[in-house]
Amino acid sequence: MKRTLWQRSSALVALGTVTALLAACAGGTRAASGGDGDGDGGSRTLTLASVDQGSIEPVVAAFEKAHPGVKVEYTTSAADQYQQQIRTQLASGTAPDVMSVWPGNGNPGATYVLAKPGYLLDLSDQPWADRYPDALKTVTRYGGRTYNAVYGLNAIGAIYNTGALEKSGLTAPATWPEVLPFCEAAARKGTPAYALGIQDNWVTQLVLYALVAGTLYPGDPDFDTRMAAGQATFTGSAWEDALAKYQQMDDAGCFQKDALGTSYEASQTLAATGRTLGVVQGNWIVSLLKEKNPDASFTFRPLPGTDEEDRLLIPAAAGAGYGVNAKTANRELALEFISFVMSQEGMKLFVEAQGGLPALPDSGATVDPALEDVATFIDNDRTVPFMDQLWPNPRVQQTMLSGLQEIFSGQSTGTEMFAAMDADYAAGG
């Protein structure tokens, strides 16, 4: 029997534990209207820190509508900024009631990293916690207890402005040998192929992850297992091939000028307005592009790192969810919000606003037509989890992010970066 899209989505998570990648954005502080009032033994004002700009807004509005008298004060911020701040806030007792938390162990805001020192409230008794597929339970739990309410699944690839692509007369590449000629042709027409905003260091990894899915995993699907057993390293692996292709793309003019001076938000504007043909990002960016240009349409395509189209894989995994501050004085209201996020209504709002796939079945969410390719790859089991998913500590990823920025600025080399990543990996958790 053919499995449903959601069952296939569960299967892709089961490829390994997941540290979801960084659905993040420039942000600010907002307070939604609503009365104060008493109830539940605490304030009826909820504080929330999120990286879900463009999708948290309708969720907050709907939550307040369903909870008269509640006021949600929330901030949105870039993932790298958020990750730098949240541990400090938790340690100092100044963290919000509810906060974005990534699955797994790969960054400073991930489930294992925050649950281990006791910063997150145990959510194991929530009714949705046992409905996760087993692999998703793995990356939302620490010590057998659930700490993360993950509502969606995400993928990384090339998001094209369909109008700009049609105007260029070019066809999106389906194999690696087509990528550089595509970029060179786009550059000759005066419209670079892809916006790249690596002023925000978390963005540096996305092109690399997309290429590694093609250079490494088709021929070595057990690479992560061998890494964990000490039988493989980044150095000498197809990670080096993927980085070389990333640099070849830069040399071929695949990206706009001054990628290091371009922010994540500025890269959105380039792609949304057709000043580039697209952007290599997660599917979560589709809603942000539509906000910047409501008249445009967008489509997701793989960024191929392999010569053979039928061997092409894409990175896909669980997205960032929400956790509750273990020291919150607003416990009941925080749990009400988490319950809403994981309800049919909340999950549907998130998934449709963000352009993703639901983490639980029966959400009633409509998958954005732009994600047709994502659904196809999931349905055919042609996905790999986000690469940092099995890394034993967040230092490996942080070394990679800073290393990639240094490579683009000419201050370091791939050899140095991979050696440093190997050392951090070997240091364990």
Protein backbone atom coordinates (compact mmCIF):
# COMPACT_ATOMS: atom_id res chain seq x y z
CA MET A 1 0.00 0.00 0.00
CA LYS A 2 1.27 3.50 -0.82
CA ARG A 3 1.96 5.49 2.29
CA THR A 4 0.39 8.89 2.84
CA LEU A 5 2.47 12.06 2.53
CA TRP A 6 2.51 12.38 6.31
CA GLN A 7 3.66 8.79 6.73
CA ARG A 8 6.44 9.43 4.23
CA SER A 9 7.28 12.59 6.16
CA SER A 10 7.62 10.49 9.27
CA ALA A 11 9.88 8.12 7.38
CA LEU A 12 12.26 10.90 6.38
CA VAL A 13 12.62 11.90 10.01
CA ALA A 14 13.41 8.27 10.80
CA LEU A 15 16.54 8.45 8.68
CA GLY A 16 18.23 9.81 11.77
CA THR A 17 17.86 12.27 14.57
CA VAL A 18 17.20 15.81 13.49
CA THR A 19 18.49 19.20 14.42
CA ALA A 20 16.17 21.31 12.38
CA LEU A 21 17.63 24.06 10.44
CA LEU A 22 17.20 27.65 10.99
CA ALA A 23 13.89 29.13 9.98
CA ALA A 24 14.81 32.61 11.05
CA CYS A 25 14.44 36.25 10.28
CA ALA A 26 14.99 39.84 11.20
CA GLY A 27 12.64 40.75 13.97
CA GLY A 28 11.23 43.05 16.53
CA THR A 29 8.95 43.24 19.54
CA ARG A 30 5.21 43.20 19.25
CA ALA A 31 2.33 43.15 21.69
CA ALA A 32 -1.03 41.95 20.48
CA SER A 33 -4.08 43.69 21.84
CA GLY A 34 -6.12 42.13 24.59
CA GLY A 35 -7.10 42.75 28.16
CA ASP A 36 -5.08 41.82 31.18
CA GLY A 37 -7.14 40.10 33.81
CA ASP A 38 -6.65 37.23 36.16
CA GLY A 39 -6.89 33.52 35.83
CA ASP A 40 -4.94 30.28 35.98
CA GLY A 41 -3.09 31.57 39.04
CA GLY A 42 -0.93 33.99 37.07
CA SER A 43 -0.73 36.84 34.60
CA ARG A 44 -2.84 36.76 31.47
CA THR A 45 0.05 38.29 29.57
CA LEU A 46 2.25 35.71 27.83
CA THR A 47 5.80 36.45 26.71
CA LEU A 48 7.09 34.68 23.62
CA ALA A 49 10.38 34.66 21.68
CA SER A 50 10.22 33.25 18.15
CA VAL A 51 12.21 32.85 14.94
CA ASP A 52 9.00 32.32 12.96
CA GLN A 53 8.50 35.77 11.46
CA GLY A 54 5.73 35.64 8.91
CA SER A 55 4.02 32.65 10.49
CA ILE A 56 3.86 33.38 14.22
CA GLU A 57 1.66 36.44 13.67
CA PRO A 58 -1.54 34.64 12.56
CA VAL A 59 -1.03 32.02 15.26
CA VAL A 60 -0.81 34.68 17.97
CA ALA A 61 -3.88 36.47 16.61
CA ALA A 62 -5.91 33.26 16.55
CA PHE A 63 -4.74 32.26 20.04
CA GLU A 64 -5.79 35.61 21.48
CA LYS A 65 -9.15 35.39 19.74
CA ALA A 66 -9.71 31.96 21.28
CA HIS A 67 -8.60 33.23 24.71
CA PRO A 68 -10.37 36.53 25.47
CA GLY A 69 -8.44 38.70 27.86
CA VAL A 70 -5.06 37.23 26.95
CA LYS A 71 -2.26 39.45 25.65
CA VAL A 72 0.78 37.98 23.91
CA GLU A 73 3.95 40.05 23.91
CA TYR A 74 6.32 38.52 21.39
CA THR A 75 9.62 39.13 19.69
CA THR A 76 11.07 37.73 16.49
CA SER A 77 14.77 37.65 15.77
CA ALA A 78 17.37 36.09 13.49
CA ALA A 79 18.37 32.55 14.42
CA ASP A 80 22.01 33.34 15.13
CA GLN A 81 21.06 36.32 17.30
CA TYR A 82 18.37 34.29 19.04
CA GLN A 83 20.70 31.39 19.78
CA GLN A 84 23.29 33.74 21.26
CA GLN A 85 20.71 35.28 23.58
CA ILE A 86 18.43 32.48 24.73
CA ARG A 87 20.94 30.56 26.87
CA THR A 88 21.98 33.79 28.61
CA GLN A 89 18.35 34.71 29.26
CA LEU A 90 17.52 31.26 30.59
CA ALA A 91 20.56 31.24 32.86
CA SER A 92 19.80 34.71 34.20
CA GLY A 93 16.09 34.15 34.73
CA THR A 94 15.04 36.70 32.10
CA ALA A 95 13.82 34.29 29.41
CA PRO A 96 10.26 34.49 28.06
CA ASP A 97 7.49 32.06 28.97
CA VAL A 98 7.60 30.29 25.60
CA MET A 99 10.46 30.15 23.11
CA SER A 100 11.57 28.63 19.82
CA VAL A 101 13.48 25.38 20.31
CA TRP A 102 15.12 23.23 17.62
CA PRO A 103 14.99 19.43 17.68
CA GLY A 104 18.07 17.40 18.50
CA ASN A 105 21.48 18.65 19.57
CA GLY A 106 23.02 20.67 16.75
CA ASN A 107 22.84 24.29 17.91
CA PRO A 108 22.70 26.39 21.11
CA GLY A 109 18.90 26.55 20.99
CA ALA A 110 18.33 22.81 20.48
CA THR A 111 16.28 20.46 22.64
CA TYR A 112 19.13 18.45 24.19
CA VAL A 113 21.22 21.56 24.83
CA LEU A 114 18.43 23.37 26.71
CA ALA A 115 16.79 20.40 28.41
CA LYS A 116 19.99 18.94 29.89
CA PRO A 117 20.58 21.87 32.32
CA GLY A 118 16.86 21.95 33.23
CA TYR A 119 15.85 25.05 31.29
CA LEU A 120 12.77 23.51 29.62
CA LEU A 121 9.48 22.37 31.12
CA ASP A 122 8.63 18.68 30.72
CA LEU A 123 5.78 18.42 28.19
CA SER A 124 5.46 14.63 28.28
CA ASP A 125 1.94 14.70 29.68
CA GLN A 126 0.59 16.74 26.78
CA PRO A 127 -1.80 14.70 24.59
CA TRP A 128 0.10 15.37 21.36
CA ALA A 129 3.44 14.12 22.73
CA ASP A 130 2.67 10.44 22.18
CA ARG A 131 1.35 11.07 18.67
CA TYR A 132 4.80 11.84 17.29
CA PRO A 133 6.39 9.15 15.11
CA ASP A 134 9.19 7.38 16.98
CA ALA A 135 12.01 9.25 15.22
CA LEU A 136 10.43 12.61 15.97
CA LYS A 137 10.05 11.58 19.61
CA THR A 138 13.81 11.02 19.63
CA VAL A 139 14.69 14.58 18.68
CA THR A 140 12.02 16.25 20.83
CA ARG A 141 12.94 14.30 23.96
CA TYR A 142 15.83 14.31 26.39
CA GLY A 143 16.21 11.53 28.95
CA GLY A 144 12.97 9.98 27.74
CA ARG A 145 10.92 13.12 28.42
CA THR A 146 9.35 15.43 25.79
CA TYR A 147 10.43 19.08 25.77
CA ASN A 148 9.68 20.39 22.27
CA ALA A 149 6.39 21.00 20.45
CA VAL A 150 7.39 20.58 16.80
CA TYR A 151 4.56 21.48 14.42
CA GLY A 152 6.11 21.16 10.95
CA LEU A 153 8.60 19.59 8.56
CA ASN A 154 10.92 21.59 6.31
CA ALA A 155 13.22 21.15 3.33
CA ILE A 156 16.17 23.02 1.78
CA GLY A 157 16.48 23.82 -1.90
CA ALA A 158 16.32 26.55 -4.52
CA ILE A 159 13.25 28.77 -4.28
CA TYR A 160 12.67 30.41 -7.66
CA ASN A 161 10.70 33.53 -8.51
CA THR A 162 8.69 31.93 -11.32
CA GLY A 163 8.08 35.22 -13.11
CA ALA A 164 11.76 36.15 -13.08
CA LEU A 165 12.75 32.67 -14.20
CA GLU A 166 10.27 32.72 -17.10
CA LYS A 167 11.42 36.20 -18.13
CA SER A 168 15.03 35.00 -18.24
CA GLY A 169 14.13 32.20 -20.63
CA LEU A 170 16.23 29.81 -18.56
CA THR A 171 15.36 26.46 -17.04
CA ALA A 172 16.21 25.58 -13.45
CA PRO A 173 19.09 23.08 -13.33
CA ALA A 174 18.24 19.45 -12.62
CA THR A 175 21.82 18.11 -12.38
CA TRP A 176 25.15 19.53 -11.26
CA PRO A 177 26.58 19.94 -14.82
CA GLU A 178 23.67 22.31 -15.52
CA VAL A 179 24.25 24.54 -12.49
CA LEU A 180 27.28 26.59 -13.53
CA PRO A 181 26.07 27.21 -17.12
CA PHE A 182 22.71 28.28 -15.66
CA CYS A 183 24.46 30.74 -13.36
CA GLU A 184 26.70 32.08 -16.12
CA ALA A 185 23.74 32.60 -18.45
CA ALA A 186 21.76 34.36 -15.72
CA ALA A 187 24.73 36.63 -14.95
CA ARG A 188 25.05 37.56 -18.64
CA LYS A 189 21.38 38.59 -18.61
CA GLY A 190 22.09 40.84 -15.64
CA THR A 191 20.09 38.85 -13.08
CA PRO A 192 22.15 36.60 -10.79
CA ALA A 193 20.74 33.12 -10.25
CA TYR A 194 20.58 33.07 -6.46
CA ALA A 195 20.46 35.62 -3.67
CA LEU A 196 22.89 34.81 -0.86
CA GLY A 197 22.66 36.63 2.47
CA ILE A 198 25.60 35.32 4.46
CA GLN A 199 26.02 38.40 6.58
CA ASP A 200 23.83 36.24 8.83
CA ASN A 201 26.17 33.33 9.43
CA TRP A 202 23.51 30.61 9.72
CA VAL A 203 22.65 31.16 6.04
CA THR A 204 26.14 30.02 4.97
CA GLN A 205 25.28 26.36 5.53
CA LEU A 206 22.21 26.09 3.30
CA VAL A 207 23.92 25.85 -0.10
CA LEU A 208 26.45 23.45 1.38
CA TYR A 209 23.73 21.21 2.88
CA ALA A 210 21.84 21.14 -0.42
CA LEU A 211 25.00 20.11 -2.29
CA VAL A 212 26.09 17.52 0.30
CA ALA A 213 22.74 15.79 -0.20
CA GLY A 214 23.91 15.07 -3.74
CA THR A 215 27.66 14.63 -3.36
CA LEU A 216 27.70 12.41 -0.28
CA TYR A 217 24.57 10.46 0.54
CA PRO A 218 23.68 8.76 -2.78
CA GLY A 219 26.97 6.86 -2.60
CA ASP A 220 27.46 6.72 1.18
CA PRO A 221 24.09 6.64 2.97
CA ASP A 222 25.72 5.36 6.18
CA PHE A 223 28.22 8.20 6.46
CA ASP A 224 26.72 9.58 9.68
CA THR A 225 26.78 6.15 11.31
CA ARG A 226 30.41 5.71 10.34
CA MET A 227 31.22 9.18 11.69
CA ALA A 228 29.66 8.30 15.05
CA ALA A 229 31.73 5.10 15.13
CA GLY A 230 34.95 6.99 14.43
CA GLN A 231 35.28 5.43 10.99
CA ALA A 232 34.88 8.59 8.89
CA THR A 233 35.70 12.29 9.06
CA PHE A 234 34.64 15.45 7.26
CA THR A 235 38.19 15.67 5.95
CA GLY A 236 38.63 13.38 2.98
CA SER A 237 34.89 12.88 2.48
CA ALA A 238 32.45 14.17 -0.13
CA TRP A 239 31.91 17.18 2.13
CA GLU A 240 35.06 18.51 0.48
CA ASP A 241 33.51 17.99 -2.97
CA ALA A 242 30.37 19.84 -1.89
CA LEU A 243 32.39 22.80 -0.58
CA ALA A 244 34.40 22.90 -3.83
CA LYS A 245 31.14 23.10 -5.78
CA TYR A 246 29.89 25.85 -3.47
CA GLN A 247 33.03 27.84 -4.25
CA GLN A 248 32.69 27.10 -7.97
CA MET A 249 29.18 28.54 -7.82
CA ASP A 250 30.55 31.69 -6.26
CA ASP A 251 33.29 31.96 -8.90
CA ALA A 252 30.72 31.43 -11.70
CA GLY A 253 28.61 34.37 -10.52
CA CYS A 254 25.76 32.27 -9.13
CA PHE A 255 25.27 34.81 -6.34
CA GLN A 256 24.88 38.58 -6.29
CA LYS A 257 27.88 40.74 -5.48
CA ASP A 258 28.90 41.17 -1.83
CA ALA A 259 27.10 38.16 -0.37
CA LEU A 260 28.98 38.74 2.89
CA GLY A 261 27.50 42.22 3.08
CA THR A 262 23.97 41.02 2.34
CA SER A 263 21.64 40.13 5.19
CA TYR A 264 19.08 37.34 5.23
CA GLU A 265 16.27 39.88 4.91
CA ALA A 266 17.98 41.72 2.05
CA SER A 267 18.40 38.41 0.21
CA GLN A 268 14.64 37.90 0.49
CA THR A 269 14.06 41.26 -1.18
CA LEU A 270 16.40 40.38 -4.05
CA ALA A 271 14.55 37.14 -4.80
CA ALA A 272 11.06 38.49 -4.15
CA THR A 273 11.48 41.43 -6.52
CA GLY A 274 13.16 39.43 -9.29
CA ARG A 275 16.56 41.04 -8.93
CA THR A 276 17.78 37.45 -8.65
CA LEU A 277 16.06 34.44 -10.14
CA GLY A 278 15.75 32.84 -6.73
CA VAL A 279 17.41 32.03 -3.43
CA VAL A 280 18.75 28.84 -1.84
CA GLN A 281 16.83 28.53 1.39
CA GLY A 282 14.34 26.51 3.39
CA ASN A 283 10.72 26.32 2.31
CA TRP A 284 9.87 28.56 5.28
CA ILE A 285 11.04 31.53 3.25
CA VAL A 286 8.17 31.24 0.75
CA SER A 287 5.73 33.10 3.00
CA LEU A 288 8.27 35.87 3.58
CA LEU A 289 8.85 36.26 -0.17
CA LYS A 290 5.12 36.50 -0.75
CA GLU A 291 4.87 39.22 1.89
CA LYS A 292 7.51 41.23 0.09
CA ASN A 293 5.89 40.71 -3.32
CA PRO A 294 2.26 39.51 -3.13
CA ASP A 295 1.96 39.56 -6.92
CA ALA A 296 4.78 37.07 -7.45
CA SER A 297 4.70 33.28 -7.35
CA PHE A 298 7.48 30.97 -6.22
CA THR A 299 8.43 27.35 -6.65
CA PHE A 300 10.79 24.99 -4.82
CA ARG A 301 13.32 22.96 -6.79
CA PRO A 302 16.29 20.90 -5.58
CA LEU A 303 19.74 22.44 -5.85
CA PRO A 304 21.51 19.48 -7.49
CA GLY A 305 24.94 18.36 -6.32
CA THR A 306 24.97 15.18 -8.41
CA ASP A 307 25.38 14.43 -12.11
CA GLU A 308 22.50 11.95 -12.11
CA GLU A 309 19.01 13.35 -11.72
CA ASP A 310 17.55 10.03 -10.59
CA ARG A 311 20.04 9.90 -7.68
CA LEU A 312 19.27 13.41 -6.48
CA LEU A 313 18.27 13.80 -2.83
CA ILE A 314 17.13 16.85 -0.85
CA PRO A 315 17.65 17.73 2.82
CA ALA A 316 14.34 17.53 4.71
CA ALA A 317 13.61 17.27 8.42
CA ALA A 318 11.58 18.44 11.38
CA GLY A 319 11.46 22.19 11.86
CA ALA A 320 11.90 24.34 14.94
CA GLY A 321 9.15 24.02 17.53
CA TYR A 322 8.34 25.63 20.86
CA GLY A 323 9.36 24.92 24.43
CA VAL A 324 8.26 26.32 27.78
CA ASN A 325 10.61 28.02 30.23
CA ALA A 326 10.89 25.68 33.22
CA LYS A 327 10.97 28.69 35.55
CA THR A 328 7.99 30.51 34.08
CA ALA A 329 5.53 31.96 36.57
CA ASN A 330 2.92 31.70 33.82
CA ARG A 331 2.89 27.93 33.44
CA GLU A 332 -0.80 27.32 32.70
CA LEU A 333 -1.03 30.06 30.05
CA ALA A 334 2.21 28.87 28.46
CA LEU A 335 0.81 25.33 28.24
CA GLU A 336 -2.39 26.71 26.73
CA PHE A 337 -0.32 28.31 24.00
CA ILE A 338 1.65 25.11 23.36
CA SER A 339 -1.62 23.17 23.15
CA PHE A 340 -2.90 25.66 20.60
CA VAL A 341 0.28 25.36 18.50
CA MET A 342 -0.19 21.59 18.37
CA SER A 343 -3.94 21.70 17.76
CA GLN A 344 -5.41 21.23 14.28
CA GLU A 345 -6.09 24.95 14.05
CA GLY A 346 -2.67 26.06 15.25
CA MET A 347 -0.70 23.58 13.15
CA LYS A 348 -2.75 24.43 10.06
CA LEU A 349 -2.10 28.15 10.57
CA PHE A 350 1.63 27.60 11.01
CA VAL A 351 2.06 25.22 8.10
CA GLU A 352 0.02 27.26 5.64
CA ALA A 353 1.62 30.57 6.66
CA GLN A 354 5.13 29.16 6.64
CA GLY A 355 4.81 26.92 3.62
CA GLY A 356 5.74 23.64 5.24
CA LEU A 357 4.33 20.21 6.01
CA PRO A 358 2.54 19.25 9.25
CA ALA A 359 4.39 17.18 11.84
CA LEU A 360 1.23 15.32 12.89
CA PRO A 361 -1.49 13.78 10.72
CA ASP A 362 -5.00 15.17 10.30
CA SER A 363 -4.09 18.84 10.69
CA GLY A 364 -6.22 19.73 7.69
CA ALA A 365 -3.38 21.88 6.37
CA THR A 366 -3.20 22.67 2.67
CA VAL A 367 0.32 22.23 1.31
CA ASP A 368 1.50 25.26 -0.67
CA PRO A 369 1.62 24.48 -4.42
CA ALA A 370 5.16 25.87 -4.41
CA LEU A 371 6.19 22.75 -2.46
CA GLU A 372 5.10 20.20 -5.05
CA ASP A 373 8.68 19.03 -5.51
CA VAL A 374 9.15 18.65 -1.75
CA ALA A 375 6.10 16.41 -1.56
CA THR A 376 7.32 14.38 -4.54
CA PHE A 377 10.75 13.78 -3.03
CA ILE A 378 9.20 12.83 0.31
CA ASP A 379 6.72 10.48 -1.35
CA ASN A 380 9.61 8.74 -3.09
CA ASP A 381 11.84 8.56 0.01
CA ARG A 382 14.47 10.73 -1.67
CA THR A 383 15.43 12.82 1.33
CA VAL A 384 18.23 13.06 3.86
CA PRO A 385 17.95 14.71 7.28
CA PHE A 386 19.61 18.05 7.93
CA MET A 387 23.32 17.35 8.20
CA ASP A 388 23.96 18.58 11.72
CA GLN A 389 21.36 16.16 13.08
CA LEU A 390 23.74 13.51 14.43
CA TRP A 391 26.58 15.81 15.41
CA PRO A 392 27.40 15.28 19.09
CA ASN A 393 27.47 18.93 20.12
CA PRO A 394 26.57 22.40 18.77
CA ARG A 395 30.23 23.42 18.48
CA VAL A 396 30.59 21.50 15.19
CA GLN A 397 27.94 23.58 13.51
CA GLN A 398 29.20 26.86 14.96
CA THR A 399 32.71 26.06 13.70
CA MET A 400 31.27 25.38 10.25
CA LEU A 401 29.26 28.63 10.17
CA SER A 402 32.18 30.86 11.16
CA GLY A 403 34.51 28.84 8.92
CA LEU A 404 32.32 29.37 5.86
CA GLN A 405 32.23 33.10 6.44
CA GLU A 406 36.01 33.10 6.74
CA ILE A 407 36.33 31.10 3.51
CA PHE A 408 34.15 33.59 1.65
CA SER A 409 36.23 36.46 3.00
CA GLY A 410 39.51 34.74 2.06
CA GLN A 411 40.64 34.32 5.67
CA SER A 412 40.51 30.53 5.82
CA THR A 413 40.29 27.39 3.71
CA GLY A 414 38.12 24.31 3.55
CA THR A 415 41.01 22.22 4.79
CA GLU A 416 41.24 24.30 7.96
CA MET A 417 37.47 24.36 8.50
CA PHE A 418 36.98 20.61 8.13
CA ALA A 419 39.94 19.89 10.40
CA ALA A 420 38.41 22.12 13.09
CA MET A 421 35.00 20.46 12.61
CA ASP A 422 36.62 17.03 12.97
CA ALA A 423 38.27 18.12 16.21
CA ASP A 424 34.99 19.45 17.61
CA TYR A 425 33.19 16.29 16.56
CA ALA A 426 35.80 14.08 18.20
CA ALA A 427 35.42 16.03 21.47
CA GLY A 428 31.93 14.57 21.83
CA GLY A 429 29.05 15.99 23.82
